[in-house]
Amino acid sequence: MTGKSLSSSCQDADETVLSTAEVKAIATEKPMLAEKMQVDNEVARLKFLKANHQNEQVTLERRIQTSYPQMIAAYNKKIVDLGNNSYLENMYYSRISHHGINLYE
């Protein structure tokens, strides 16, 4: 879920609830009710965003501990292989042999 879609869904929900709060405030002739509901909605929205942020942090920490070290090791191996030219030679020979050409005949 992207932050943009999350933000728009929160805003859509707030608009619907806010109009309900305004109707209640008008019906009961208590303008503070609308303000209270507006604050309650903002608190709920912020709690939702906080939870989403914490989930994202956990996901990133997991990637830092597991995925990224593996990726770094693989890239370091490619760098070493490129320095030895063996990586390029293997790519070249595998492409040639894929097309049915044998250089050793």
PDB file of N, CA and C in Angstrom:
ATOM      1  N   MET A   1       0.856  -1.171   0.000  1.00  0.00           N
ATOM      2  CA  MET A   1       0.000   0.000   0.000  1.00  0.00           C
ATOM      3  C   MET A   1       0.899   1.230   0.000  1.00  0.00           C
ATOM      4  N   THR A   2       0.650   2.159  -0.879  1.00  0.00           N
ATOM      5  CA  THR A   2       1.463   3.360  -0.938  1.00  0.00           C
ATOM      6  C   THR A   2       0.915   4.415  -0.001  1.00  0.00           C
ATOM      7  N   GLY A   3       1.780   5.367   0.369  1.00  0.00           N
ATOM      8  CA  GLY A   3       1.358   6.440   1.252  1.00  0.00           C
ATOM      9  C   GLY A   3       0.284   7.311   0.619  1.00  0.00           C
ATOM     10  N   LYS A   4       0.343   7.449  -0.703  1.00  0.00           N
ATOM     11  CA  LYS A   4      -0.630   8.301  -1.388  1.00  0.00           C
ATOM     12  C   LYS A   4      -2.037   7.727  -1.280  1.00  0.00           C
ATOM     13  N   SER A   5      -2.199   6.443  -1.542  1.00  0.00           N
ATOM     14  CA  SER A   5      -3.529   5.842  -1.477  1.00  0.00           C
ATOM     15  C   SER A   5      -4.021   5.794  -0.037  1.00  0.00           C
ATOM     16  N   LEU A   6      -3.110   5.563   0.901  1.00  0.00           N
ATOM     17  CA  LEU A   6      -3.463   5.555   2.317  1.00  0.00           C
ATOM     18  C   LEU A   6      -3.974   6.928   2.721  1.00  0.00           C
ATOM     19  N   SER A   7      -3.277   7.955   2.290  1.00  0.00           N
ATOM     20  CA  SER A   7      -3.658   9.323   2.629  1.00  0.00           C
ATOM     21  C   SER A   7      -5.024   9.672   2.061  1.00  0.00           C
ATOM     22  N   SER A   8      -5.253   9.306   0.807  1.00  0.00           N
ATOM     23  CA  SER A   8      -6.541   9.648   0.199  1.00  0.00           C
ATOM     24  C   SER A   8      -7.677   8.876   0.841  1.00  0.00           C
ATOM     25  N   SER A   9      -7.440   7.616   1.231  1.00  0.00           N
ATOM     26  CA  SER A   9      -8.508   6.851   1.877  1.00  0.00           C
ATOM     27  C   SER A   9      -8.822   7.427   3.251  1.00  0.00           C
ATOM     28  N   CYS A  10      -7.811   7.894   3.959  1.00  0.00           N
ATOM     29  CA  CYS A  10      -8.055   8.534   5.261  1.00  0.00           C
ATOM     30  C   CYS A  10      -8.834   9.826   5.076  1.00  0.00           C
ATOM     31  N   GLN A  11      -8.482  10.605   4.064  1.00  0.00           N
ATOM     32  CA  GLN A  11      -9.173  11.864   3.829  1.00  0.00           C
ATOM     33  C   GLN A  11     -10.627  11.623   3.441  1.00  0.00           C
ATOM     34  N   ASP A  12     -10.890  10.629   2.615  1.00  0.00           N
ATOM     35  CA  ASP A  12     -12.258  10.313   2.217  1.00  0.00           C
ATOM     36  C   ASP A  12     -13.100   9.943   3.431  1.00  0.00           C
ATOM     37  N   ALA A  13     -12.541   9.121   4.306  1.00  0.00           N
ATOM     38  CA  ALA A  13     -13.276   8.712   5.505  1.00  0.00           C
ATOM     39  C   ALA A  13     -13.526   9.911   6.410  1.00  0.00           C
ATOM     40  N   ASP A  14     -12.527  10.787   6.548  1.00  0.00           N
ATOM     41  CA  ASP A  14     -12.682  11.959   7.398  1.00  0.00           C
ATOM     42  C   ASP A  14     -13.783  12.877   6.886  1.00  0.00           C
ATOM     43  N   GLU A  15     -13.864  13.052   5.575  1.00  0.00           N
ATOM     44  CA  GLU A  15     -14.880  13.931   5.008  1.00  0.00           C
ATOM     45  C   GLU A  15     -16.277  13.402   5.299  1.00  0.00           C
ATOM     46  N   THR A  16     -16.461  12.105   5.168  1.00  0.00           N
ATOM     47  CA  THR A  16     -17.766  11.500   5.427  1.00  0.00           C
ATOM     48  C   THR A  16     -18.145  11.656   6.888  1.00  0.00           C
ATOM     49  N   VAL A  17     -17.229  11.362   7.781  1.00  0.00           N
ATOM     50  CA  VAL A  17     -17.497  11.455   9.215  1.00  0.00           C
ATOM     51  C   VAL A  17     -17.691  12.900   9.631  1.00  0.00           C
ATOM     52  N   LEU A  18     -16.925  13.804   9.041  1.00  0.00           N
ATOM     53  CA  LEU A  18     -17.053  15.212   9.388  1.00  0.00           C
ATOM     54  C   LEU A  18     -18.441  15.735   9.042  1.00  0.00           C
ATOM     55  N   SER A  19     -18.977  15.385   7.900  1.00  0.00           N
ATOM     56  CA  SER A  19     -20.312  15.855   7.549  1.00  0.00           C
ATOM     57  C   SER A  19     -21.358  15.270   8.509  1.00  0.00           C
ATOM     58  N   THR A  20     -21.130  14.046   8.966  1.00  0.00           N
ATOM     59  CA  THR A  20     -22.015  13.455   9.962  1.00  0.00           C
ATOM     60  C   THR A  20     -21.921  14.238  11.265  1.00  0.00           C
ATOM     61  N   ALA A  21     -20.719  14.625  11.643  1.00  0.00           N
ATOM     62  CA  ALA A  21     -20.517  15.414  12.866  1.00  0.00           C
ATOM     63  C   ALA A  21     -21.222  16.759  12.760  1.00  0.00           C
ATOM     64  N   GLU A  22     -21.151  17.368  11.597  1.00  0.00           N
ATOM     65  CA  GLU A  22     -21.826  18.666  11.415  1.00  0.00           C
ATOM     66  C   GLU A  22     -23.340  18.516  11.542  1.00  0.00           C
ATOM     67  N   VAL A  23     -23.884  17.451  10.973  1.00  0.00           N
ATOM     68  CA  VAL A  23     -25.338  17.218  11.060  1.00  0.00           C
ATOM     69  C   VAL A  23     -25.748  17.032  12.517  1.00  0.00           C
ATOM     70  N   LYS A  24     -24.987  16.239  13.265  1.00  0.00           N
ATOM     71  CA  LYS A  24     -25.305  16.026  14.677  1.00  0.00           C
ATOM     72  C   LYS A  24     -25.223  17.323  15.464  1.00  0.00           C
ATOM     73  N   ALA A  25     -24.205  18.128  15.167  1.00  0.00           N
ATOM     74  CA  ALA A  25     -24.037  19.391  15.885  1.00  0.00           C
ATOM     75  C   ALA A  25     -25.202  20.337  15.600  1.00  0.00           C
ATOM     76  N   ILE A  26     -25.639  20.372  14.362  1.00  0.00           N
ATOM     77  CA  ILE A  26     -26.768  21.235  13.997  1.00  0.00           C
ATOM     78  C   ILE A  26     -28.055  20.725  14.640  1.00  0.00           C
ATOM     79  N   ALA A  27     -28.242  19.413  14.606  1.00  0.00           N
ATOM     80  CA  ALA A  27     -29.470  18.820  15.151  1.00  0.00           C
ATOM     81  C   ALA A  27     -29.563  19.005  16.661  1.00  0.00           C
ATOM     82  N   THR A  28     -28.440  18.918  17.349  1.00  0.00           N
ATOM     83  CA  THR A  28     -28.468  19.035  18.814  1.00  0.00           C
ATOM     84  C   THR A  28     -28.168  20.449  19.281  1.00  0.00           C
ATOM     85  N   GLU A  29     -27.864  21.340  18.346  1.00  0.00           N
ATOM     86  CA  GLU A  29     -27.509  22.729  18.647  1.00  0.00           C
ATOM     87  C   GLU A  29     -26.311  22.811  19.595  1.00  0.00           C
ATOM     88  N   LYS A  30     -25.353  21.892  19.415  1.00  0.00           N
ATOM     89  CA  LYS A  30     -24.124  21.886  20.210  1.00  0.00           C
ATOM     90  C   LYS A  30     -22.927  21.927  19.253  1.00  0.00           C
ATOM     91  N   PRO A  31     -22.407  23.113  18.968  1.00  0.00           N
ATOM     92  CA  PRO A  31     -21.290  23.220  18.015  1.00  0.00           C
ATOM     93  C   PRO A  31     -20.020  22.532  18.517  1.00  0.00           C
ATOM     94  N   MET A  32     -19.869  22.389  19.831  1.00  0.00           N
ATOM     95  CA  MET A  32     -18.684  21.724  20.372  1.00  0.00           C
ATOM     96  C   MET A  32     -18.666  20.232  20.010  1.00  0.00           C
ATOM     97  N   LEU A  33     -19.831  19.659  19.763  1.00  0.00           N
ATOM     98  CA  LEU A  33     -19.917  18.246  19.377  1.00  0.00           C
ATOM     99  C   LEU A  33     -19.203  18.012  18.042  1.00  0.00           C
ATOM    100  N   ALA A  34     -19.397  18.936  17.119  1.00  0.00           N
ATOM    101  CA  ALA A  34     -18.736  18.812  15.813  1.00  0.00           C
ATOM    102  C   ALA A  34     -17.228  18.900  15.980  1.00  0.00           C
ATOM    103  N   GLU A  35     -16.771  19.814  16.820  1.00  0.00           N
ATOM    104  CA  GLU A  35     -15.333  19.960  17.037  1.00  0.00           C
ATOM    105  C   GLU A  35     -14.755  18.718  17.717  1.00  0.00           C
ATOM    106  N   LYS A  36     -15.477  18.178  18.699  1.00  0.00           N
ATOM    107  CA  LYS A  36     -15.019  16.968  19.392  1.00  0.00           C
ATOM    108  C   LYS A  36     -14.913  15.806  18.414  1.00  0.00           C
ATOM    109  N   MET A  37     -15.907  15.623  17.574  1.00  0.00           N
ATOM    110  CA  MET A  37     -15.879  14.533  16.605  1.00  0.00           C
ATOM    111  C   MET A  37     -14.744  14.729  15.604  1.00  0.00           C
ATOM    112  N   GLN A  38     -14.503  15.979  15.255  1.00  0.00           N
ATOM    113  CA  GLN A  38     -13.417  16.284  14.326  1.00  0.00           C
ATOM    114  C   GLN A  38     -12.066  15.913  14.969  1.00  0.00           C
ATOM    115  N   VAL A  39     -11.893  16.252  16.230  1.00  0.00           N
ATOM    116  CA  VAL A  39     -10.654  15.918  16.938  1.00  0.00           C
ATOM    117  C   VAL A  39     -10.531  14.403  17.085  1.00  0.00           C
ATOM    118  N   ASP A  40     -11.615  13.733  17.440  1.00  0.00           N
ATOM    119  CA  ASP A  40     -11.597  12.275  17.565  1.00  0.00           C
ATOM    120  C   ASP A  40     -11.201  11.614  16.240  1.00  0.00           C
ATOM    121  N   ASN A  41     -11.732  12.122  15.154  1.00  0.00           N
ATOM    122  CA  ASN A  41     -11.398  11.579  13.829  1.00  0.00           C
ATOM    123  C   ASN A  41      -9.926  11.798  13.498  1.00  0.00           C
ATOM    124  N   GLU A  42      -9.407  12.960  13.857  1.00  0.00           N
ATOM    125  CA  GLU A  42      -8.001  13.253  13.594  1.00  0.00           C
ATOM    126  C   GLU A  42      -7.102  12.331  14.428  1.00  0.00           C
ATOM    127  N   VAL A  43      -7.463  12.095  15.668  1.00  0.00           N
ATOM    128  CA  VAL A  43      -6.705  11.184  16.533  1.00  0.00           C
ATOM    129  C   VAL A  43      -6.725   9.769  15.945  1.00  0.00           C
ATOM    130  N   ALA A  44      -7.868   9.321  15.500  1.00  0.00           N
ATOM    131  CA  ALA A  44      -7.973   7.982  14.899  1.00  0.00           C
ATOM    132  C   ALA A  44      -7.115   7.890  13.637  1.00  0.00           C
ATOM    133  N   ARG A  45      -7.130   8.940  12.835  1.00  0.00           N
ATOM    134  CA  ARG A  45      -6.329   8.952  11.609  1.00  0.00           C
ATOM    135  C   ARG A  45      -4.842   8.895  11.945  1.00  0.00           C
ATOM    136  N   LEU A  46      -4.432   9.667  12.946  1.00  0.00           N
ATOM    137  CA  LEU A  46      -3.021   9.684  13.334  1.00  0.00           C
ATOM    138  C   LEU A  46      -2.582   8.343  13.931  1.00  0.00           C
ATOM    139  N   LYS A  47      -3.453   7.696  14.680  1.00  0.00           N
ATOM    140  CA  LYS A  47      -3.126   6.367  15.212  1.00  0.00           C
ATOM    141  C   LYS A  47      -2.942   5.369  14.073  1.00  0.00           C
ATOM    142  N   PHE A  48      -3.801   5.463  13.068  1.00  0.00           N
ATOM    143  CA  PHE A  48      -3.704   4.589  11.913  1.00  0.00           C
ATOM    144  C   PHE A  48      -2.376   4.819  11.183  1.00  0.00           C
ATOM    145  N   LEU A  49      -2.009   6.071  10.989  1.00  0.00           N
ATOM    146  CA  LEU A  49      -0.754   6.398  10.314  1.00  0.00           C
ATOM    147  C   LEU A  49       0.450   5.931  11.137  1.00  0.00           C
ATOM    148  N   LYS A  50       0.364   6.066  12.462  1.00  0.00           N
ATOM    149  CA  LYS A  50       1.444   5.607  13.338  1.00  0.00           C
ATOM    150  C   LYS A  50       1.636   4.102  13.205  1.00  0.00           C
ATOM    151  N   ALA A  51       0.538   3.356  13.231  1.00  0.00           N
ATOM    152  CA  ALA A  51       0.620   1.897  13.100  1.00  0.00           C
ATOM    153  C   ALA A  51       1.214   1.513  11.749  1.00  0.00           C
ATOM    154  N   ASN A  52       0.811   2.208  10.711  1.00  0.00           N
ATOM    155  CA  ASN A  52       1.338   1.939   9.375  1.00  0.00           C
ATOM    156  C   ASN A  52       2.846   2.220   9.329  1.00  0.00           C
ATOM    157  N   HIS A  53       3.255   3.306   9.946  1.00  0.00           N
ATOM    158  CA  HIS A  53       4.669   3.670   9.996  1.00  0.00           C
ATOM    159  C   HIS A  53       5.469   2.603  10.753  1.00  0.00           C
ATOM    160  N   GLN A  54       4.949   2.144  11.881  1.00  0.00           N
ATOM    161  CA  GLN A  54       5.635   1.111  12.659  1.00  0.00           C
ATOM    162  C   GLN A  54       5.760  -0.191  11.867  1.00  0.00           C
ATOM    163  N   ASN A  55       4.726  -0.557  11.135  1.00  0.00           N
ATOM    164  CA  ASN A  55       4.784  -1.758  10.286  1.00  0.00           C
ATOM    165  C   ASN A  55       5.859  -1.617   9.222  1.00  0.00           C
ATOM    166  N   GLU A  56       5.946  -0.435   8.640  1.00  0.00           N
ATOM    167  CA  GLU A  56       6.959  -0.178   7.616  1.00  0.00           C
ATOM    168  C   GLU A  56       8.365  -0.267   8.215  1.00  0.00           C
ATOM    169  N   GLN A  57       8.533   0.244   9.432  1.00  0.00           N
ATOM    170  CA  GLN A  57       9.831   0.180  10.104  1.00  0.00           C
ATOM    171  C   GLN A  57      10.236  -1.273  10.344  1.00  0.00           C
ATOM    172  N   VAL A  58       9.312  -2.103  10.789  1.00  0.00           N
ATOM    173  CA  VAL A  58       9.596  -3.514  11.038  1.00  0.00           C
ATOM    174  C   VAL A  58       9.994  -4.204   9.729  1.00  0.00           C
ATOM    175  N   THR A  59       9.286  -3.896   8.663  1.00  0.00           N
ATOM    176  CA  THR A  59       9.596  -4.480   7.354  1.00  0.00           C
ATOM    177  C   THR A  59      11.003  -4.094   6.911  1.00  0.00           C
ATOM    178  N   LEU A  60      11.340  -2.818   7.069  1.00  0.00           N
ATOM    179  CA  LEU A  60      12.673  -2.353   6.668  1.00  0.00           C
ATOM    180  C   LEU A  60      13.764  -2.981   7.528  1.00  0.00           C
ATOM    181  N   GLU A  61      13.528  -3.109   8.828  1.00  0.00           N
ATOM    182  CA  GLU A  61      14.509  -3.747   9.700  1.00  0.00           C
ATOM    183  C   GLU A  61      14.732  -5.201   9.296  1.00  0.00           C
ATOM    184  N   ARG A  62      13.659  -5.885   8.949  1.00  0.00           N
ATOM    185  CA  ARG A  62      13.768  -7.279   8.503  1.00  0.00           C
ATOM    186  C   ARG A  62      14.593  -7.361   7.217  1.00  0.00           C
ATOM    187  N   ARG A  63      14.353  -6.435   6.310  1.00  0.00           N
ATOM    188  CA  ARG A  63      15.133  -6.431   5.063  1.00  0.00           C
ATOM    189  C   ARG A  63      16.607  -6.157   5.348  1.00  0.00           C
ATOM    190  N   ILE A  64      16.885  -5.246   6.266  1.00  0.00           N
ATOM    191  CA  ILE A  64      18.263  -4.919   6.606  1.00  0.00           C
ATOM    192  C   ILE A  64      18.972  -6.138   7.185  1.00  0.00           C
ATOM    193  N   GLN A  65      18.254  -6.926   7.951  1.00  0.00           N
ATOM    194  CA  GLN A  65      18.866  -8.089   8.605  1.00  0.00           C
ATOM    195  C   GLN A  65      18.980  -9.304   7.682  1.00  0.00           C
ATOM    196  N   THR A  66      18.087  -9.447   6.729  1.00  0.00           N
ATOM    197  CA  THR A  66      18.098 -10.661   5.909  1.00  0.00           C
ATOM    198  C   THR A  66      18.404 -10.403   4.441  1.00  0.00           C
ATOM    199  N   SER A  67      17.581  -9.652   3.777  1.00  0.00           N
ATOM    200  CA  SER A  67      17.680  -9.506   2.318  1.00  0.00           C
ATOM    201  C   SER A  67      18.905  -8.707   1.883  1.00  0.00           C
ATOM    202  N   TYR A  68      19.134  -7.571   2.505  1.00  0.00           N
ATOM    203  CA  TYR A  68      20.199  -6.682   2.033  1.00  0.00           C
ATOM    204  C   TYR A  68      21.594  -7.287   2.167  1.00  0.00           C
ATOM    205  N   PRO A  69      21.922  -7.988   3.272  1.00  0.00           N
ATOM    206  CA  PRO A  69      23.254  -8.620   3.313  1.00  0.00           C
ATOM    207  C   PRO A  69      23.458  -9.638   2.188  1.00  0.00           C
ATOM    208  N   GLN A  70      22.422 -10.391   1.848  1.00  0.00           N
ATOM    209  CA  GLN A  70      22.531 -11.352   0.741  1.00  0.00           C
ATOM    210  C   GLN A  70      22.749 -10.622  -0.583  1.00  0.00           C
ATOM    211  N   MET A  71      22.028  -9.530  -0.778  1.00  0.00           N
ATOM    212  CA  MET A  71      22.184  -8.760  -2.012  1.00  0.00           C
ATOM    213  C   MET A  71      23.589  -8.163  -2.100  1.00  0.00           C
ATOM    214  N   ILE A  72      24.080  -7.637  -0.981  1.00  0.00           N
ATOM    215  CA  ILE A  72      25.418  -7.041  -0.963  1.00  0.00           C
ATOM    216  C   ILE A  72      26.468  -8.103  -1.287  1.00  0.00           C
ATOM    217  N   ALA A  73      26.328  -9.290  -0.699  1.00  0.00           N
ATOM    218  CA  ALA A  73      27.277 -10.376  -0.976  1.00  0.00           C
ATOM    219  C   ALA A  73      27.252 -10.752  -2.459  1.00  0.00           C
ATOM    220  N   ALA A  74      26.077 -10.840  -3.033  1.00  0.00           N
ATOM    221  CA  ALA A  74      25.969 -11.194  -4.456  1.00  0.00           C
ATOM    222  C   ALA A  74      26.614 -10.127  -5.335  1.00  0.00           C
ATOM    223  N   TYR A  75      26.374  -8.855  -5.004  1.00  0.00           N
ATOM    224  CA  TYR A  75      26.985  -7.772  -5.797  1.00  0.00           C
ATOM    225  C   TYR A  75      28.497  -7.736  -5.609  1.00  0.00           C
ATOM    226  N   ASN A  76      28.966  -7.996  -4.395  1.00  0.00           N
ATOM    227  CA  ASN A  76      30.414  -8.041  -4.173  1.00  0.00           C
ATOM    228  C   ASN A  76      31.049  -9.166  -4.977  1.00  0.00           C
ATOM    229  N   LYS A  77      30.366 -10.307  -5.065  1.00  0.00           N
ATOM    230  CA  LYS A  77      30.879 -11.426  -5.867  1.00  0.00           C
ATOM    231  C   LYS A  77      30.934 -11.027  -7.341  1.00  0.00           C
ATOM    232  N   LYS A  78      29.906 -10.337  -7.816  1.00  0.00           N
ATOM    233  CA  LYS A  78      29.919  -9.897  -9.213  1.00  0.00           C
ATOM    234  C   LYS A  78      31.068  -8.926  -9.464  1.00  0.00           C
ATOM    235  N   ILE A  79      31.326  -8.043  -8.499  1.00  0.00           N
ATOM    236  CA  ILE A  79      32.423  -7.079  -8.652  1.00  0.00           C
ATOM    237  C   ILE A  79      33.757  -7.805  -8.747  1.00  0.00           C
ATOM    238  N   VAL A  80      33.958  -8.796  -7.873  1.00  0.00           N
ATOM    239  CA  VAL A  80      35.200  -9.577  -7.900  1.00  0.00           C
ATOM    240  C   VAL A  80      35.300 -10.337  -9.212  1.00  0.00           C
ATOM    241  N   ASP A  81      34.201 -10.948  -9.625  1.00  0.00           N
ATOM    242  CA  ASP A  81      34.204 -11.696 -10.886  1.00  0.00           C
ATOM    243  C   ASP A  81      34.496 -10.784 -12.071  1.00  0.00           C
ATOM    244  N   LEU A  82      33.942  -9.600 -12.060  1.00  0.00           N
ATOM    245  CA  LEU A  82      34.204  -8.663 -13.152  1.00  0.00           C
ATOM    246  C   LEU A  82      35.671  -8.252 -13.158  1.00  0.00           C
ATOM    247  N   GLY A  83      36.242  -8.120 -11.970  1.00  0.00           N
ATOM    248  CA  GLY A  83      37.662  -7.783 -11.881  1.00  0.00           C
ATOM    249  C   GLY A  83      38.534  -8.885 -12.436  1.00  0.00           C
ATOM    250  N   ASN A  84      38.098 -10.129 -12.323  1.00  0.00           N
ATOM    251  CA  ASN A  84      38.853 -11.275 -12.841  1.00  0.00           C
ATOM    252  C   ASN A  84      38.516 -11.585 -14.288  1.00  0.00           C
ATOM    253  N   ASN A  85      37.558 -10.935 -14.826  1.00  0.00           N
ATOM    254  CA  ASN A  85      37.056 -11.164 -16.184  1.00  0.00           C
ATOM    255  C   ASN A  85      36.394 -12.527 -16.362  1.00  0.00           C
ATOM    256  N   SER A  86      36.395 -13.354 -15.332  1.00  0.00           N
ATOM    257  CA  SER A  86      35.776 -14.675 -15.482  1.00  0.00           C
ATOM    258  C   SER A  86      34.265 -14.545 -15.652  1.00  0.00           C
ATOM    259  N   TYR A  87      33.677 -13.574 -15.014  1.00  0.00           N
ATOM    260  CA  TYR A  87      32.236 -13.373 -15.145  1.00  0.00           C
ATOM    261  C   TYR A  87      31.888 -13.036 -16.591  1.00  0.00           C
ATOM    262  N   LEU A  88      32.645 -12.113 -17.197  1.00  0.00           N
ATOM    263  CA  LEU A  88      32.381 -11.722 -18.589  1.00  0.00           C
ATOM    264  C   LEU A  88      32.644 -12.880 -19.545  1.00  0.00           C
ATOM    265  N   GLU A  89      33.719 -13.633 -19.282  1.00  0.00           N
ATOM    266  CA  GLU A  89      34.015 -14.773 -20.141  1.00  0.00           C
ATOM    267  C   GLU A  89      32.893 -15.813 -20.078  1.00  0.00           C
ATOM    268  N   ASN A  90      32.421 -16.098 -18.885  1.00  0.00           N
ATOM    269  CA  ASN A  90      31.339 -17.069 -18.737  1.00  0.00           C
ATOM    270  C   ASN A  90      30.078 -16.597 -19.444  1.00  0.00           C
ATOM    271  N   MET A  91      29.767 -15.311 -19.321  1.00  0.00           N
ATOM    272  CA  MET A  91      28.588 -14.779 -20.022  1.00  0.00           C
ATOM    273  C   MET A  91      28.766 -14.922 -21.525  1.00  0.00           C
ATOM    274  N   TYR A  92      29.954 -14.576 -22.020  1.00  0.00           N
ATOM    275  CA  TYR A  92      30.224 -14.620 -23.457  1.00  0.00           C
ATOM    276  C   TYR A  92      30.121 -16.056 -23.983  1.00  0.00           C
ATOM    277  N   TYR A  93      30.781 -16.988 -23.291  1.00  0.00           N
ATOM    278  CA  TYR A  93      30.770 -18.373 -23.748  1.00  0.00           C
ATOM    279  C   TYR A  93      29.397 -19.016 -23.597  1.00  0.00           C
ATOM    280  N   SER A  94      28.669 -18.647 -22.576  1.00  0.00           N
ATOM    281  CA  SER A  94      27.331 -19.230 -22.440  1.00  0.00           C
ATOM    282  C   SER A  94      26.400 -18.722 -23.531  1.00  0.00           C
ATOM    283  N   ARG A  95      26.570 -17.481 -23.951  1.00  0.00           N
ATOM    284  CA  ARG A  95      25.744 -16.961 -25.052  1.00  0.00           C
ATOM    285  C   ARG A  95      26.103 -17.640 -26.363  1.00  0.00           C
ATOM    286  N   ILE A  96      27.387 -17.829 -26.596  1.00  0.00           N
ATOM    287  CA  ILE A  96      27.817 -18.466 -27.840  1.00  0.00           C
ATOM    288  C   ILE A  96      27.351 -19.918 -27.875  1.00  0.00           C
ATOM    289  N   SER A  97      27.514 -20.634 -26.755  1.00  0.00           N
ATOM    290  CA  SER A  97      27.098 -22.032 -26.738  1.00  0.00           C
ATOM    291  C   SER A  97      25.582 -22.144 -26.826  1.00  0.00           C
ATOM    292  N   HIS A  98      24.886 -21.147 -26.359  1.00  0.00           N
ATOM    293  CA  HIS A  98      23.432 -21.137 -26.466  1.00  0.00           C
ATOM    294  C   HIS A  98      23.008 -21.106 -27.938  1.00  0.00           C
ATOM    295  N   HIS A  99      23.806 -20.461 -28.783  1.00  0.00           N
ATOM    296  CA  HIS A  99      23.485 -20.368 -30.204  1.00  0.00           C
ATOM    297  C   HIS A  99      24.078 -21.511 -31.023  1.00  0.00           C
ATOM    298  N   GLY A 100      24.639 -22.501 -30.330  1.00  0.00           N
ATOM    299  CA  GLY A 100      25.125 -23.687 -31.021  1.00  0.00           C
ATOM    300  C   GLY A 100      26.509 -23.563 -31.592  1.00  0.00           C
ATOM    301  N   ILE A 101      27.269 -22.575 -31.190  1.00  0.00           N
ATOM    302  CA  ILE A 101      28.638 -22.400 -31.708  1.00  0.00           C
ATOM    303  C   ILE A 101      29.605 -22.946 -30.662  1.00  0.00           C
ATOM    304  N   ASN A 102      30.513 -23.782 -31.085  1.00  0.00           N
ATOM    305  CA  ASN A 102      31.504 -24.341 -30.175  1.00  0.00           C
ATOM    306  C   ASN A 102      32.865 -23.772 -30.570  1.00  0.00           C
ATOM    307  N   LEU A 103      33.470 -23.000 -29.693  1.00  0.00           N
ATOM    308  CA  LEU A 103      34.744 -22.369 -30.016  1.00  0.00           C
ATOM    309  C   LEU A 103      35.938 -23.306 -29.860  1.00  0.00           C
ATOM    310  N   TYR A 104      35.722 -24.436 -29.210  1.00  0.00           N
ATOM    311  CA  TYR A 104      36.842 -25.333 -28.924  1.00  0.00           C
ATOM    312  C   TYR A 104      37.022 -26.428 -29.969  1.00  0.00           C
ATOM    313  N   GLU A 105      36.299 -26.422 -31.048  1.00  0.00           N
ATOM    314  CA  GLU A 105      36.431 -27.463 -32.084  1.00  0.00           C
ATOM    315  C   GLU A 105      37.459 -27.071 -33.095  1.00  0.00           C
TER     316      GLU A 105
END
